[in-house]
Structure formats: C-alpha cells, structure tokens
Amino acid sequence: MSDERIQSAVAQAVSQAYDAWAAEHPTLASTIDRMTVTDQVAESLRQSPEYRQAVIDFGKAQSELAFVSQLIELATPILIGLVGL
C-alpha cells in the first residue's frame, strides 16, 4: 500500500471514529474543533506500535477494508482519551 493510500486510510478511519463518537456526544462535539482533534488522533495513531503492526498486517493480507476497520478500532480509544471521556 502506498504511503498516500495509508494516509487516506488513516484519515478515513479517524473520521469514522470521530463521527461515531460525535453521534454519542453531540453537545461536546459541537464545542470542539474537529480538525484539531482528528489531526491529534491521527498523529497519535501513527506513533503507536499497533498502527505499525496494522500496516504490516495489511501488507500481508492486502485487504484495505480490513485495514481501515482495524484502524478505526485503534483510533476510537485514542479519540476518547483525547477528549477526556
């Protein structure tokens, strides 16, 4: 997977994680800057060993859908920790 495709998958996963969180916490979501939060989540995600393993696993399986799903699972607790819930 090219770096561009990986970055796109990260953005997609973080956006989906944010959308799910925002649906559960609309009032809080309306008071924070989505771009700042998603950028911070994406950066934290990229620095995690679980992310590096997900990239390796993707290279073996070549399943972009599975890769994005795995990234969503990794991004969700980072997002929740970042917004303090």
Protein backbone atom coordinates (compact mmCIF):
# COMPACT_ATOMS: atom_id res chain seq x y z
CA MET A 1 0.00 0.00 0.00
CA SER A 2 1.42 3.36 -0.96
CA ASP A 3 2.04 6.00 1.67
CA GLU A 4 -0.74 8.06 0.10
CA ARG A 5 -3.20 5.18 0.43
CA ILE A 6 -2.13 4.59 4.03
CA GLN A 7 -2.65 8.27 4.87
CA SER A 8 -6.05 8.16 3.19
CA ALA A 9 -6.99 5.06 5.20
CA VAL A 10 -5.88 6.76 8.42
CA ALA A 11 -7.96 9.84 7.60
CA GLN A 12 -10.98 7.68 6.77
CA ALA A 13 -10.66 5.63 9.96
CA VAL A 14 -10.19 8.66 12.21
CA SER A 15 -13.12 10.43 10.57
CA GLN A 16 -15.38 7.42 11.08
CA ALA A 17 -14.27 7.07 14.71
CA TYR A 18 -14.96 10.77 15.24
CA ASP A 19 -18.38 10.57 13.59
CA ALA A 20 -19.37 7.66 15.84
CA TRP A 21 -18.14 9.48 18.94
CA ALA A 22 -19.83 12.75 17.90
CA ALA A 23 -23.14 10.94 17.40
CA GLU A 24 -22.96 9.80 21.02
CA HIS A 25 -21.78 13.19 22.32
CA PRO A 26 -23.28 15.86 20.03
CA THR A 27 -23.12 18.70 22.53
CA LEU A 28 -19.46 18.15 23.31
CA ALA A 29 -18.65 17.56 19.65
CA SER A 30 -20.19 20.92 18.76
CA THR A 31 -17.81 22.71 21.12
CA ILE A 32 -14.51 21.29 19.88
CA ASP A 33 -12.57 21.81 16.70
CA ARG A 34 -12.98 18.61 14.71
CA MET A 35 -9.88 19.18 12.57
CA THR A 36 -7.63 19.70 15.59
CA VAL A 37 -8.94 16.59 17.32
CA THR A 38 -8.76 14.39 14.23
CA ASP A 39 -5.22 15.58 13.47
CA GLN A 40 -4.15 14.77 17.03
CA VAL A 41 -5.81 11.35 16.92
CA ALA A 42 -4.22 10.55 13.55
CA GLU A 43 -0.77 11.56 14.81
CA SER A 44 -1.13 9.50 17.99
CA LEU A 45 -2.37 6.57 15.95
CA ARG A 46 0.62 6.76 13.59
CA GLN A 47 3.00 6.69 16.55
CA SER A 48 1.53 3.55 18.11
CA PRO A 49 3.09 0.12 17.73
CA GLU A 50 -0.39 -1.24 16.98
CA TYR A 51 -0.54 1.02 13.93
CA ARG A 52 2.80 -0.27 12.66
CA GLN A 53 1.53 -3.83 13.13
CA ALA A 54 -1.68 -2.97 11.26
CA VAL A 55 0.40 -1.70 8.32
CA ILE A 56 2.42 -4.93 8.34
CA ASP A 57 -0.77 -7.00 8.50
CA PHE A 58 -2.23 -5.03 5.61
CA GLY A 59 0.87 -5.70 3.56
CA LYS A 60 0.31 -9.41 4.06
CA ALA A 61 -3.46 -9.52 3.57
CA GLN A 62 -3.93 -6.69 1.05
CA SER A 63 -7.40 -6.02 2.42
CA GLU A 64 -7.98 -2.29 2.57
CA LEU A 65 -11.39 -2.71 4.22
CA ALA A 66 -9.89 -4.84 6.99
CA PHE A 67 -7.07 -2.30 7.39
CA VAL A 68 -9.48 0.62 7.78
CA SER A 69 -11.60 -1.38 10.23
CA GLN A 70 -8.52 -2.17 12.30
CA LEU A 71 -7.50 1.50 12.26
CA ILE A 72 -10.99 2.53 13.43
CA GLU A 73 -10.67 0.14 16.36
CA LEU A 74 -7.27 1.65 17.21
CA ALA A 75 -8.38 5.27 16.73
CA THR A 76 -11.51 5.09 18.88
CA PRO A 77 -9.78 4.74 22.29
CA ILE A 78 -7.26 7.40 21.30
CA LEU A 79 -10.11 9.77 20.45
CA ILE A 80 -11.94 9.02 23.69
CA GLY A 81 -8.75 9.55 25.70
CA LEU A 82 -8.03 12.80 23.91
CA VAL A 83 -11.43 14.34 24.59
CA GLY A 84 -11.37 13.10 28.15
CA LEU A 85 -14.29 10.69 28.26
